[in-house]
N, C-alpha and C. Protein backbone atom coordinates (compact mmCIF):
# COMPACT_ATOMS: atom_id res chain seq x y z
N MET A 1 -13.95 -16.87 6.67
CA MET A 1 -12.53 -16.91 6.32
C MET A 1 -12.33 -17.26 4.85
N SER A 2 -13.26 -18.00 4.26
CA SER A 2 -13.11 -18.39 2.86
C SER A 2 -13.04 -17.17 1.95
N ALA A 3 -13.75 -16.09 2.33
CA ALA A 3 -13.72 -14.88 1.51
C ALA A 3 -12.34 -14.24 1.52
N CYS A 4 -11.57 -14.48 2.56
CA CYS A 4 -10.23 -13.91 2.68
C CYS A 4 -9.18 -14.76 2.00
N LEU A 5 -9.63 -15.81 1.30
CA LEU A 5 -8.74 -16.65 0.50
C LEU A 5 -9.15 -16.65 -0.98
N ALA A 6 -10.26 -16.01 -1.28
CA ALA A 6 -10.83 -16.10 -2.62
C ALA A 6 -10.22 -15.10 -3.60
N ALA A 7 -10.33 -15.42 -4.87
CA ALA A 7 -9.95 -14.49 -5.93
C ALA A 7 -11.11 -13.54 -6.18
N THR A 8 -10.79 -12.27 -6.47
CA THR A 8 -11.80 -11.27 -6.82
C THR A 8 -11.31 -10.53 -8.06
N TYR A 9 -12.12 -9.59 -8.52
CA TYR A 9 -11.70 -8.81 -9.69
C TYR A 9 -10.37 -8.10 -9.42
N PHE A 10 -10.25 -7.44 -8.28
CA PHE A 10 -9.03 -6.70 -7.95
C PHE A 10 -7.95 -7.62 -7.39
N ILE A 11 -8.33 -8.51 -6.52
CA ILE A 11 -7.36 -9.41 -5.88
C ILE A 11 -7.29 -10.69 -6.72
N ASP A 12 -6.70 -10.59 -7.88
CA ASP A 12 -6.66 -11.70 -8.84
C ASP A 12 -5.51 -12.64 -8.50
N LYS A 13 -5.66 -13.34 -7.41
CA LYS A 13 -4.59 -14.17 -6.85
C LYS A 13 -4.19 -15.34 -7.75
N ASP A 14 -5.06 -15.72 -8.67
CA ASP A 14 -4.76 -16.85 -9.55
C ASP A 14 -4.10 -16.45 -10.86
N HIS A 15 -3.81 -15.16 -11.02
CA HIS A 15 -3.12 -14.71 -12.23
C HIS A 15 -1.72 -15.33 -12.25
N PRO A 16 -1.26 -15.84 -13.40
CA PRO A 16 0.06 -16.50 -13.47
C PRO A 16 1.20 -15.64 -12.94
N ASP A 17 1.17 -14.34 -13.18
CA ASP A 17 2.26 -13.48 -12.71
C ASP A 17 2.24 -13.33 -11.19
N ILE A 18 1.05 -13.29 -10.61
CA ILE A 18 0.93 -13.22 -9.15
C ILE A 18 1.46 -14.50 -8.52
N ILE A 19 1.09 -15.63 -9.09
CA ILE A 19 1.56 -16.92 -8.57
C ILE A 19 3.07 -17.03 -8.68
N ALA A 20 3.64 -16.62 -9.82
CA ALA A 20 5.09 -16.71 -10.01
C ALA A 20 5.83 -15.80 -9.03
N PHE A 21 5.36 -14.57 -8.88
CA PHE A 21 6.00 -13.63 -7.94
C PHE A 21 5.93 -14.16 -6.52
N SER A 22 4.78 -14.71 -6.15
CA SER A 22 4.59 -15.21 -4.79
C SER A 22 5.47 -16.44 -4.52
N LYS A 23 5.57 -17.33 -5.50
CA LYS A 23 6.42 -18.50 -5.33
C LYS A 23 7.89 -18.11 -5.21
N GLN A 24 8.28 -17.10 -5.98
CA GLN A 24 9.67 -16.66 -5.96
C GLN A 24 10.06 -16.09 -4.60
N HIS A 25 9.15 -15.36 -3.98
CA HIS A 25 9.49 -14.65 -2.75
C HIS A 25 8.94 -15.31 -1.48
N ALA A 26 8.24 -16.41 -1.62
CA ALA A 26 7.76 -17.16 -0.45
C ALA A 26 7.88 -18.64 -0.77
N LYS A 27 9.00 -19.23 -0.42
CA LYS A 27 9.31 -20.59 -0.82
C LYS A 27 8.41 -21.61 -0.12
N GLU A 28 8.21 -22.75 -0.77
CA GLU A 28 7.47 -23.85 -0.17
C GLU A 28 8.25 -24.39 1.03
N GLY A 29 7.53 -24.91 2.00
CA GLY A 29 8.19 -25.48 3.17
C GLY A 29 8.34 -24.50 4.31
N GLU A 30 8.23 -23.21 4.04
CA GLU A 30 8.29 -22.22 5.10
C GLU A 30 6.94 -22.15 5.80
N SER A 31 6.93 -21.63 7.02
CA SER A 31 5.68 -21.46 7.73
C SER A 31 4.89 -20.32 7.11
N ASP A 32 3.59 -20.24 7.42
CA ASP A 32 2.78 -19.14 6.92
C ASP A 32 3.35 -17.80 7.37
N LEU A 33 3.83 -17.75 8.59
CA LEU A 33 4.41 -16.50 9.09
C LEU A 33 5.64 -16.11 8.28
N ASP A 34 6.53 -17.06 8.03
CA ASP A 34 7.75 -16.77 7.27
C ASP A 34 7.41 -16.32 5.85
N ARG A 35 6.43 -16.99 5.24
CA ARG A 35 6.05 -16.63 3.88
C ARG A 35 5.40 -15.25 3.83
N ALA A 36 4.58 -14.95 4.83
CA ALA A 36 3.93 -13.64 4.87
C ALA A 36 4.95 -12.52 5.03
N VAL A 37 5.93 -12.73 5.88
CA VAL A 37 6.97 -11.72 6.10
C VAL A 37 7.78 -11.52 4.81
N SER A 38 8.14 -12.61 4.15
CA SER A 38 8.91 -12.51 2.91
C SER A 38 8.14 -11.75 1.83
N LEU A 39 6.85 -12.03 1.72
CA LEU A 39 6.04 -11.35 0.71
C LEU A 39 5.87 -9.87 1.04
N TYR A 40 5.76 -9.56 2.33
CA TYR A 40 5.65 -8.15 2.74
C TYR A 40 6.85 -7.36 2.24
N TYR A 41 8.05 -7.86 2.50
CA TYR A 41 9.25 -7.12 2.10
C TYR A 41 9.41 -7.07 0.59
N ALA A 42 8.98 -8.11 -0.11
CA ALA A 42 9.06 -8.10 -1.57
C ALA A 42 8.18 -6.99 -2.14
N VAL A 43 6.94 -6.88 -1.64
CA VAL A 43 6.05 -5.84 -2.13
C VAL A 43 6.50 -4.46 -1.66
N ARG A 44 6.97 -4.37 -0.43
CA ARG A 44 7.40 -3.06 0.09
C ARG A 44 8.52 -2.47 -0.74
N ASP A 45 9.53 -3.28 -1.07
CA ASP A 45 10.74 -2.72 -1.66
C ASP A 45 10.89 -2.93 -3.16
N LEU A 46 10.22 -3.91 -3.73
CA LEU A 46 10.35 -4.15 -5.17
C LEU A 46 9.29 -3.42 -5.98
N ILE A 47 8.24 -2.96 -5.30
CA ILE A 47 7.19 -2.18 -5.96
C ILE A 47 7.30 -0.75 -5.42
N ARG A 48 7.68 0.18 -6.25
CA ARG A 48 7.96 1.54 -5.80
C ARG A 48 6.68 2.29 -5.47
N TYR A 49 6.71 3.02 -4.36
CA TYR A 49 5.57 3.85 -3.98
C TYR A 49 5.50 5.06 -4.90
N ASN A 50 4.32 5.29 -5.48
CA ASN A 50 4.14 6.43 -6.38
C ASN A 50 2.72 6.99 -6.22
N PRO A 51 2.57 8.08 -5.46
CA PRO A 51 1.24 8.65 -5.25
C PRO A 51 0.69 9.36 -6.49
N TYR A 52 1.51 9.51 -7.53
CA TYR A 52 1.02 10.10 -8.78
C TYR A 52 0.37 9.05 -9.68
N SER A 53 0.28 7.82 -9.21
CA SER A 53 -0.22 6.73 -10.06
C SER A 53 -1.69 6.43 -9.86
N ILE A 54 -2.40 7.23 -9.06
CA ILE A 54 -3.82 6.98 -8.83
C ILE A 54 -4.61 7.29 -10.10
N GLU A 55 -5.24 6.30 -10.67
CA GLU A 55 -6.02 6.48 -11.89
C GLU A 55 -7.48 6.09 -11.63
N PRO A 56 -8.44 6.84 -12.17
CA PRO A 56 -9.86 6.48 -12.02
C PRO A 56 -10.24 5.36 -12.96
N ASP A 57 -9.48 4.28 -12.91
CA ASP A 57 -9.63 3.16 -13.84
C ASP A 57 -9.54 1.87 -13.03
N ARG A 58 -10.58 1.07 -13.03
CA ARG A 58 -10.62 -0.16 -12.23
C ARG A 58 -9.49 -1.12 -12.63
N GLN A 59 -9.21 -1.22 -13.90
CA GLN A 59 -8.19 -2.15 -14.37
C GLN A 59 -6.83 -1.86 -13.73
N ALA A 60 -6.53 -0.58 -13.53
CA ALA A 60 -5.22 -0.20 -12.99
C ALA A 60 -5.01 -0.66 -11.56
N LEU A 61 -6.10 -0.98 -10.85
CA LEU A 61 -6.00 -1.38 -9.45
C LEU A 61 -5.99 -2.89 -9.26
N LYS A 62 -6.04 -3.66 -10.34
CA LYS A 62 -5.92 -5.11 -10.21
C LYS A 62 -4.50 -5.44 -9.75
N ALA A 63 -4.38 -6.43 -8.90
CA ALA A 63 -3.07 -6.80 -8.38
C ALA A 63 -2.08 -7.10 -9.49
N SER A 64 -2.53 -7.81 -10.51
CA SER A 64 -1.63 -8.15 -11.61
C SER A 64 -1.18 -6.91 -12.37
N SER A 65 -2.03 -5.90 -12.46
CA SER A 65 -1.65 -4.66 -13.13
C SER A 65 -0.61 -3.90 -12.33
N VAL A 66 -0.78 -3.87 -11.01
CA VAL A 66 0.19 -3.21 -10.13
C VAL A 66 1.54 -3.91 -10.24
N LEU A 67 1.53 -5.23 -10.24
CA LEU A 67 2.77 -5.98 -10.36
C LEU A 67 3.46 -5.70 -11.69
N ALA A 68 2.70 -5.60 -12.75
CA ALA A 68 3.28 -5.34 -14.08
C ALA A 68 3.93 -3.97 -14.13
N LYS A 69 3.33 -2.97 -13.48
CA LYS A 69 3.88 -1.61 -13.49
C LYS A 69 5.04 -1.45 -12.52
N LYS A 70 5.08 -2.33 -11.50
CA LYS A 70 6.12 -2.29 -10.47
C LYS A 70 6.12 -0.97 -9.69
N GLU A 71 4.95 -0.36 -9.59
CA GLU A 71 4.78 0.83 -8.78
C GLU A 71 3.30 1.00 -8.46
N GLY A 72 3.04 1.77 -7.42
CA GLY A 72 1.66 2.03 -7.05
C GLY A 72 1.60 2.82 -5.77
N TYR A 73 0.41 3.34 -5.46
CA TYR A 73 0.26 4.04 -4.19
C TYR A 73 -0.18 3.03 -3.13
N CYS A 74 -0.48 3.51 -1.93
CA CYS A 74 -0.69 2.61 -0.79
C CYS A 74 -1.75 1.54 -1.05
N VAL A 75 -2.89 1.94 -1.62
CA VAL A 75 -3.97 0.99 -1.87
C VAL A 75 -3.55 -0.06 -2.88
N ALA A 76 -2.90 0.37 -3.94
CA ALA A 76 -2.45 -0.57 -4.97
C ALA A 76 -1.48 -1.60 -4.40
N LYS A 77 -0.55 -1.15 -3.58
CA LYS A 77 0.43 -2.07 -3.00
C LYS A 77 -0.23 -3.01 -1.99
N ALA A 78 -1.23 -2.52 -1.27
CA ALA A 78 -1.96 -3.38 -0.34
C ALA A 78 -2.75 -4.44 -1.08
N VAL A 79 -3.37 -4.07 -2.20
CA VAL A 79 -4.09 -5.04 -3.03
C VAL A 79 -3.14 -6.12 -3.53
N LEU A 80 -1.96 -5.71 -3.98
CA LEU A 80 -0.97 -6.68 -4.47
C LEU A 80 -0.53 -7.63 -3.36
N LEU A 81 -0.20 -7.09 -2.19
CA LEU A 81 0.23 -7.95 -1.10
C LEU A 81 -0.88 -8.93 -0.71
N THR A 82 -2.11 -8.45 -0.67
CA THR A 82 -3.23 -9.32 -0.32
C THR A 82 -3.37 -10.46 -1.33
N ALA A 83 -3.23 -10.15 -2.61
CA ALA A 83 -3.32 -11.19 -3.64
C ALA A 83 -2.19 -12.20 -3.51
N CYS A 84 -1.00 -11.72 -3.23
CA CYS A 84 0.14 -12.63 -3.08
C CYS A 84 -0.05 -13.56 -1.89
N LEU A 85 -0.54 -13.03 -0.79
CA LEU A 85 -0.78 -13.85 0.39
C LEU A 85 -1.85 -14.91 0.12
N ARG A 86 -2.94 -14.50 -0.51
CA ARG A 86 -4.00 -15.46 -0.81
C ARG A 86 -3.53 -16.53 -1.77
N SER A 87 -2.62 -16.17 -2.68
CA SER A 87 -2.12 -17.16 -3.63
C SER A 87 -1.31 -18.24 -2.94
N ARG A 88 -0.80 -17.94 -1.74
CA ARG A 88 -0.07 -18.92 -0.93
C ARG A 88 -0.93 -19.49 0.18
N ASP A 89 -2.24 -19.32 0.03
CA ASP A 89 -3.24 -19.87 0.98
C ASP A 89 -3.11 -19.28 2.38
N ILE A 90 -2.75 -18.01 2.45
CA ILE A 90 -2.70 -17.28 3.72
C ILE A 90 -3.85 -16.29 3.72
N PRO A 91 -4.79 -16.37 4.66
CA PRO A 91 -5.93 -15.45 4.67
C PRO A 91 -5.48 -14.00 4.79
N ALA A 92 -6.05 -13.15 3.96
CA ALA A 92 -5.68 -11.73 3.96
C ALA A 92 -6.87 -10.91 3.49
N ARG A 93 -6.93 -9.67 3.96
CA ARG A 93 -8.00 -8.75 3.57
C ARG A 93 -7.43 -7.33 3.56
N LEU A 94 -8.24 -6.37 3.20
CA LEU A 94 -7.80 -4.97 3.11
C LEU A 94 -8.37 -4.16 4.26
N GLY A 95 -7.56 -3.24 4.78
CA GLY A 95 -8.00 -2.29 5.79
C GLY A 95 -7.77 -0.87 5.29
N PHE A 96 -8.59 0.06 5.79
CA PHE A 96 -8.50 1.45 5.31
C PHE A 96 -8.66 2.43 6.47
N ALA A 97 -7.96 3.54 6.35
CA ALA A 97 -8.05 4.61 7.35
C ALA A 97 -7.71 5.93 6.68
N ASP A 98 -8.20 7.02 7.24
CA ASP A 98 -7.76 8.36 6.84
C ASP A 98 -6.58 8.74 7.71
N VAL A 99 -5.51 9.25 7.10
CA VAL A 99 -4.32 9.61 7.86
C VAL A 99 -3.88 11.03 7.50
N LYS A 100 -3.34 11.72 8.50
CA LYS A 100 -2.70 13.01 8.24
C LYS A 100 -1.23 12.76 8.01
N ASN A 101 -0.78 13.15 6.83
CA ASN A 101 0.61 12.94 6.44
C ASN A 101 1.35 14.26 6.55
N HIS A 102 2.25 14.36 7.52
CA HIS A 102 2.97 15.62 7.74
C HIS A 102 4.25 15.71 6.90
N LEU A 103 4.56 14.63 6.19
CA LEU A 103 5.73 14.64 5.31
C LEU A 103 5.24 14.47 3.88
N ASN A 104 5.55 15.44 3.04
CA ASN A 104 5.05 15.43 1.68
C ASN A 104 6.02 16.22 0.81
N THR A 105 5.87 16.13 -0.49
CA THR A 105 6.65 17.00 -1.36
C THR A 105 5.80 18.21 -1.72
N ALA A 106 6.45 19.29 -2.08
CA ALA A 106 5.72 20.53 -2.38
C ALA A 106 4.76 20.34 -3.55
N ARG A 107 5.20 19.60 -4.55
CA ARG A 107 4.38 19.42 -5.75
C ARG A 107 3.13 18.60 -5.46
N LEU A 108 3.29 17.49 -4.73
CA LEU A 108 2.13 16.66 -4.43
C LEU A 108 1.17 17.39 -3.51
N LYS A 109 1.70 18.12 -2.54
CA LYS A 109 0.84 18.86 -1.63
C LYS A 109 0.03 19.92 -2.37
N ALA A 110 0.64 20.56 -3.38
CA ALA A 110 -0.08 21.56 -4.18
C ALA A 110 -1.21 20.91 -4.98
N LEU A 111 -0.99 19.69 -5.46
CA LEU A 111 -2.02 18.99 -6.21
C LEU A 111 -3.15 18.52 -5.30
N MET A 112 -2.80 18.05 -4.11
CA MET A 112 -3.80 17.52 -3.20
C MET A 112 -4.51 18.61 -2.41
N GLU A 113 -3.80 19.71 -2.14
CA GLU A 113 -4.32 20.84 -1.39
C GLU A 113 -4.77 20.45 0.02
N THR A 114 -4.16 19.43 0.57
CA THR A 114 -4.46 18.98 1.92
C THR A 114 -3.38 18.01 2.37
N ASP A 115 -3.23 17.86 3.70
CA ASP A 115 -2.32 16.84 4.21
C ASP A 115 -3.08 15.62 4.71
N LEU A 116 -4.40 15.57 4.44
CA LEU A 116 -5.21 14.42 4.82
C LEU A 116 -5.30 13.44 3.67
N PHE A 117 -4.78 12.25 3.87
CA PHE A 117 -4.84 11.20 2.88
C PHE A 117 -6.05 10.32 3.21
N VAL A 118 -7.09 10.39 2.39
CA VAL A 118 -8.30 9.62 2.67
C VAL A 118 -8.18 8.21 2.09
N TRP A 119 -8.79 7.27 2.78
CA TRP A 119 -8.78 5.88 2.36
C TRP A 119 -7.37 5.34 2.09
N HIS A 120 -6.48 5.65 3.01
CA HIS A 120 -5.16 5.00 2.99
C HIS A 120 -5.35 3.50 3.17
N GLY A 121 -4.67 2.71 2.36
CA GLY A 121 -4.86 1.26 2.39
C GLY A 121 -3.70 0.49 2.96
N PHE A 122 -4.02 -0.61 3.63
CA PHE A 122 -3.02 -1.54 4.14
C PHE A 122 -3.60 -2.95 4.08
N THR A 123 -2.81 -3.93 4.42
CA THR A 123 -3.24 -5.33 4.40
C THR A 123 -3.38 -5.85 5.82
N GLU A 124 -4.36 -6.70 6.02
CA GLU A 124 -4.51 -7.41 7.28
C GLU A 124 -4.33 -8.90 7.00
N VAL A 125 -3.46 -9.55 7.78
CA VAL A 125 -3.09 -10.95 7.55
C VAL A 125 -3.48 -11.78 8.77
N PHE A 126 -4.05 -12.96 8.54
CA PHE A 126 -4.42 -13.84 9.64
C PHE A 126 -3.28 -14.83 9.88
N LEU A 127 -2.58 -14.65 10.99
CA LEU A 127 -1.43 -15.48 11.33
C LEU A 127 -1.50 -15.90 12.79
N ASN A 128 -1.27 -17.16 13.04
CA ASN A 128 -1.24 -17.70 14.41
C ASN A 128 -2.49 -17.30 15.20
N GLY A 129 -3.63 -17.38 14.54
CA GLY A 129 -4.89 -17.19 15.23
C GLY A 129 -5.33 -15.77 15.44
N LYS A 130 -4.67 -14.79 14.81
CA LYS A 130 -5.10 -13.40 14.98
C LYS A 130 -4.80 -12.60 13.72
N TRP A 131 -5.50 -11.46 13.57
CA TRP A 131 -5.27 -10.56 12.46
C TRP A 131 -4.20 -9.55 12.82
N VAL A 132 -3.24 -9.36 11.94
CA VAL A 132 -2.20 -8.35 12.13
C VAL A 132 -2.14 -7.46 10.89
N LYS A 133 -1.84 -6.19 11.10
CA LYS A 133 -1.79 -5.22 10.01
C LYS A 133 -0.40 -5.15 9.40
N ALA A 134 -0.36 -5.03 8.09
CA ALA A 134 0.91 -4.91 7.37
C ALA A 134 0.77 -3.76 6.37
N THR A 135 1.69 -2.79 6.44
CA THR A 135 1.61 -1.60 5.59
C THR A 135 2.84 -1.54 4.68
N PRO A 136 2.73 -2.05 3.44
CA PRO A 136 3.89 -2.12 2.55
C PRO A 136 4.08 -0.89 1.68
N ALA A 137 3.47 0.24 2.05
CA ALA A 137 3.40 1.39 1.15
C ALA A 137 4.75 1.96 0.77
N PHE A 138 5.56 2.38 1.76
CA PHE A 138 6.78 3.13 1.46
C PHE A 138 7.97 2.20 1.29
N ASN A 139 8.56 2.21 0.11
CA ASN A 139 9.76 1.43 -0.13
C ASN A 139 10.95 2.00 0.64
N LEU A 140 11.97 1.19 0.83
CA LEU A 140 13.10 1.55 1.68
C LEU A 140 13.77 2.84 1.23
N GLY A 141 14.01 2.99 -0.07
CA GLY A 141 14.68 4.19 -0.57
C GLY A 141 13.91 5.45 -0.27
N LEU A 142 12.59 5.40 -0.37
CA LEU A 142 11.76 6.56 -0.08
C LEU A 142 11.85 6.93 1.40
N CYS A 143 11.83 5.94 2.27
CA CYS A 143 11.96 6.20 3.71
C CYS A 143 13.29 6.88 4.02
N GLU A 144 14.34 6.46 3.35
CA GLU A 144 15.65 7.08 3.58
C GLU A 144 15.63 8.53 3.12
N SER A 145 14.96 8.81 2.02
CA SER A 145 14.89 10.19 1.52
C SER A 145 14.11 11.09 2.47
N PHE A 146 13.06 10.55 3.09
CA PHE A 146 12.22 11.33 4.00
C PHE A 146 12.72 11.29 5.44
N HIS A 147 13.78 10.53 5.69
CA HIS A 147 14.33 10.41 7.05
C HIS A 147 13.30 9.85 8.03
N VAL A 148 12.59 8.82 7.60
CA VAL A 148 11.67 8.11 8.48
C VAL A 148 12.08 6.66 8.56
N LYS A 149 11.75 6.03 9.66
CA LYS A 149 12.08 4.62 9.83
C LYS A 149 11.23 3.79 8.87
N PRO A 150 11.84 2.87 8.15
CA PRO A 150 11.03 1.98 7.30
C PRO A 150 10.16 1.10 8.18
N LEU A 151 8.97 0.79 7.70
CA LEU A 151 8.07 -0.06 8.47
C LEU A 151 8.48 -1.52 8.34
N GLU A 152 8.76 -2.12 9.47
CA GLU A 152 9.13 -3.53 9.50
C GLU A 152 7.88 -4.36 9.81
N PHE A 153 7.95 -5.65 9.49
CA PHE A 153 6.83 -6.56 9.74
C PHE A 153 7.38 -7.91 10.14
N ASP A 154 6.96 -8.39 11.33
CA ASP A 154 7.44 -9.69 11.80
C ASP A 154 6.32 -10.72 11.88
N GLY A 155 5.11 -10.34 11.46
CA GLY A 155 4.01 -11.29 11.45
C GLY A 155 3.31 -11.46 12.78
N THR A 156 3.79 -10.79 13.82
CA THR A 156 3.18 -10.92 15.14
C THR A 156 2.58 -9.61 15.65
N CYS A 157 3.13 -8.48 15.20
CA CYS A 157 2.66 -7.16 15.66
C CYS A 157 2.20 -6.34 14.45
N ASP A 158 1.29 -5.40 14.71
CA ASP A 158 0.82 -4.52 13.65
C ASP A 158 1.96 -3.67 13.11
N SER A 159 2.03 -3.56 11.79
CA SER A 159 2.99 -2.69 11.11
C SER A 159 2.22 -1.51 10.56
N ILE A 160 2.24 -0.39 11.30
CA ILE A 160 1.52 0.81 10.90
C ILE A 160 2.48 1.99 10.94
N PHE A 161 2.09 3.10 10.30
CA PHE A 161 2.98 4.25 10.17
C PHE A 161 3.44 4.78 11.52
N HIS A 162 4.71 5.21 11.57
CA HIS A 162 5.26 5.83 12.76
C HIS A 162 4.67 7.23 12.94
N PRO A 163 4.40 7.64 14.17
CA PRO A 163 3.87 8.99 14.39
C PRO A 163 4.90 10.09 14.17
N PHE A 164 6.21 9.76 14.29
CA PHE A 164 7.26 10.77 14.17
C PHE A 164 8.36 10.30 13.22
N ASP A 165 9.09 11.26 12.64
CA ASP A 165 10.24 10.91 11.81
C ASP A 165 11.48 10.76 12.69
N ASN A 166 12.64 10.59 12.05
CA ASN A 166 13.87 10.36 12.81
C ASN A 166 14.32 11.55 13.63
N PHE A 167 13.75 12.74 13.34
CA PHE A 167 14.14 13.95 14.06
C PHE A 167 13.09 14.39 15.08
N GLY A 168 12.05 13.57 15.25
CA GLY A 168 11.02 13.91 16.20
C GLY A 168 9.90 14.76 15.64
N ASN A 169 9.90 15.01 14.32
CA ASN A 169 8.83 15.78 13.70
C ASN A 169 7.63 14.88 13.42
N ARG A 170 6.44 15.47 13.37
CA ARG A 170 5.24 14.72 13.08
C ARG A 170 5.35 14.02 11.72
N HIS A 171 4.93 12.78 11.66
CA HIS A 171 4.99 12.01 10.42
C HIS A 171 3.58 11.61 9.99
N MET A 172 2.92 10.76 10.75
CA MET A 172 1.59 10.28 10.39
C MET A 172 0.66 10.27 11.60
N GLU A 173 -0.59 10.62 11.37
CA GLU A 173 -1.63 10.52 12.39
C GLU A 173 -2.82 9.79 11.79
N TYR A 174 -3.28 8.74 12.45
CA TYR A 174 -4.49 8.03 12.03
C TYR A 174 -5.68 8.77 12.63
N VAL A 175 -6.59 9.25 11.78
CA VAL A 175 -7.69 10.08 12.27
C VAL A 175 -9.06 9.42 12.10
N ASN A 176 -9.16 8.40 11.25
CA ASN A 176 -10.47 7.77 11.03
C ASN A 176 -10.28 6.38 10.43
N GLU A 177 -10.90 5.38 11.02
CA GLU A 177 -10.82 4.01 10.52
C GLU A 177 -12.07 3.70 9.68
N HIS A 178 -11.87 3.02 8.55
CA HIS A 178 -12.99 2.64 7.70
C HIS A 178 -13.33 1.15 7.82
N GLY A 179 -12.49 0.39 8.50
CA GLY A 179 -12.79 -1.03 8.69
C GLY A 179 -12.05 -1.94 7.74
N SER A 180 -12.48 -3.21 7.72
CA SER A 180 -11.82 -4.26 6.94
C SER A 180 -12.75 -4.73 5.82
N PHE A 181 -12.13 -5.10 4.69
CA PHE A 181 -12.90 -5.47 3.51
C PHE A 181 -12.28 -6.69 2.83
N ASP A 182 -13.13 -7.59 2.35
CA ASP A 182 -12.64 -8.77 1.64
C ASP A 182 -12.18 -8.44 0.22
N ASP A 183 -12.68 -7.34 -0.32
CA ASP A 183 -12.27 -6.89 -1.65
C ASP A 183 -12.14 -5.37 -1.61
N LEU A 184 -11.56 -4.81 -2.63
CA LEU A 184 -11.36 -3.37 -2.70
C LEU A 184 -12.69 -2.65 -2.93
N PRO A 185 -13.13 -1.77 -2.01
CA PRO A 185 -14.35 -0.99 -2.21
C PRO A 185 -14.05 0.23 -3.08
N TRP A 186 -13.76 -0.03 -4.35
CA TRP A 186 -13.19 0.99 -5.23
C TRP A 186 -14.10 2.19 -5.41
N ASP A 187 -15.39 1.96 -5.56
CA ASP A 187 -16.30 3.08 -5.79
C ASP A 187 -16.32 4.03 -4.59
N LEU A 188 -16.33 3.47 -3.38
CA LEU A 188 -16.31 4.30 -2.17
C LEU A 188 -15.01 5.08 -2.07
N ALA A 189 -13.89 4.39 -2.27
CA ALA A 189 -12.58 5.03 -2.14
C ALA A 189 -12.38 6.11 -3.20
N LEU A 190 -12.75 5.81 -4.45
CA LEU A 190 -12.56 6.79 -5.53
C LEU A 190 -13.41 8.03 -5.30
N ALA A 191 -14.66 7.85 -4.88
CA ALA A 191 -15.53 8.99 -4.62
C ALA A 191 -14.95 9.87 -3.52
N ALA A 192 -14.42 9.24 -2.48
CA ALA A 192 -13.84 10.01 -1.37
C ALA A 192 -12.60 10.76 -1.83
N MET A 193 -11.76 10.14 -2.66
CA MET A 193 -10.55 10.80 -3.13
C MET A 193 -10.88 11.97 -4.07
N LYS A 194 -11.85 11.76 -4.96
CA LYS A 194 -12.22 12.85 -5.87
C LYS A 194 -12.77 14.05 -5.11
N LYS A 195 -13.49 13.78 -4.04
CA LYS A 195 -14.03 14.87 -3.22
C LYS A 195 -12.92 15.57 -2.45
N ALA A 196 -11.95 14.80 -1.95
CA ALA A 196 -10.88 15.36 -1.13
C ALA A 196 -9.82 16.06 -1.97
N TYR A 197 -9.54 15.54 -3.18
CA TYR A 197 -8.47 16.10 -4.03
C TYR A 197 -8.99 16.42 -5.43
N PRO A 198 -9.90 17.34 -5.60
CA PRO A 198 -10.44 17.61 -6.94
C PRO A 198 -9.38 18.04 -7.94
N ARG A 199 -8.41 18.83 -7.50
CA ARG A 199 -7.39 19.31 -8.43
C ARG A 199 -6.52 18.15 -8.93
N TYR A 200 -6.25 17.19 -8.06
CA TYR A 200 -5.43 16.04 -8.44
C TYR A 200 -6.03 15.34 -9.66
N PHE A 201 -7.34 15.17 -9.67
CA PHE A 201 -7.98 14.43 -10.75
C PHE A 201 -8.30 15.29 -11.96
N GLU A 202 -8.15 16.60 -11.81
CA GLU A 202 -8.43 17.51 -12.93
C GLU A 202 -7.21 17.75 -13.81
N THR A 203 -6.02 17.44 -13.31
CA THR A 203 -4.81 17.73 -14.07
C THR A 203 -4.11 16.44 -14.48
N TYR A 204 -3.53 16.45 -15.66
CA TYR A 204 -2.74 15.30 -16.11
C TYR A 204 -1.25 15.52 -15.87
N ASP A 205 -0.90 16.70 -15.40
CA ASP A 205 0.51 17.00 -15.15
C ASP A 205 1.08 16.08 -14.10
N ARG A 206 0.22 15.57 -13.18
CA ARG A 206 0.69 14.70 -12.12
C ARG A 206 1.35 13.43 -12.66
N LYS A 207 0.97 13.03 -13.88
CA LYS A 207 1.51 11.79 -14.42
C LYS A 207 3.02 11.86 -14.65
N THR A 208 3.56 13.05 -14.76
CA THR A 208 4.99 13.19 -15.01
C THR A 208 5.79 13.28 -13.71
N GLY A 209 5.12 13.19 -12.58
CA GLY A 209 5.80 13.35 -11.30
C GLY A 209 6.66 12.15 -10.94
N ASP A 210 7.74 12.40 -10.23
CA ASP A 210 8.60 11.35 -9.68
C ASP A 210 8.73 11.63 -8.18
N PHE A 211 7.86 11.02 -7.41
CA PHE A 211 7.78 11.32 -5.98
C PHE A 211 9.07 10.96 -5.26
N ASN A 212 9.69 9.85 -5.62
CA ASN A 212 10.92 9.44 -4.98
C ASN A 212 12.04 10.46 -5.22
N ALA A 213 12.15 10.97 -6.47
CA ALA A 213 13.17 11.96 -6.77
C ALA A 213 12.88 13.29 -6.07
N GLU A 214 11.61 13.67 -6.00
CA GLU A 214 11.24 14.90 -5.31
C GLU A 214 11.61 14.82 -3.83
N ALA A 215 11.31 13.68 -3.22
CA ALA A 215 11.61 13.51 -1.81
C ALA A 215 13.11 13.60 -1.54
N ALA A 216 13.89 12.97 -2.42
CA ALA A 216 15.35 12.99 -2.24
C ALA A 216 15.89 14.40 -2.38
N GLN A 217 15.37 15.15 -3.35
CA GLN A 217 15.87 16.51 -3.60
C GLN A 217 15.48 17.46 -2.46
N GLU A 218 14.24 17.38 -2.00
CA GLU A 218 13.76 18.30 -0.99
C GLU A 218 14.27 18.02 0.41
N ASN A 219 14.74 16.80 0.64
CA ASN A 219 15.17 16.42 1.98
C ASN A 219 16.66 16.12 2.08
N THR A 220 17.43 16.65 1.12
CA THR A 220 18.87 16.43 1.14
C THR A 220 19.47 17.07 2.39
């Protein structure tokens, strides 16, 4: 359990900005469950989901870097939430799975050339004697644009992607679990992403993308 409370290169829980953000959104005197729930919603909605932000750069995946940019993709947001939880002495680790995403924008799908998102990241939190999953990836505004239910987290049940959207269409399918990790296995994840999405990493045009705006426009 000590490894799930420790600082690492990516989960830099002792960074002053991580500590300040965590204190602001998880007040002293609250239970671990209350603090974990508060931090989940802070990361979910205050850090915008941006799948165009994946960079083959280790520095960009540090929790403090994600917080400074105020945006990131699923793994980046999971790293940030894990760091925030550990900074409040709540055990947390990272979980990964491959998921089929049936809701996408035309531009991102053309770059990825697949609907399989490899090494999708989420956080696992130890609360009341058990591990529960928390997925802070999609901010509330993005969920509204895609017409999917936002993922809620109460600290007692797993918070994972819904299989269907609000109209009954396919949304997410979990197809392969990679397990739990005390730190970000960046080399494994990056190699898998480069193999799955070669075009994504070959073009710099993706940096100009605004996924939230694309989703709103395409799903009006």
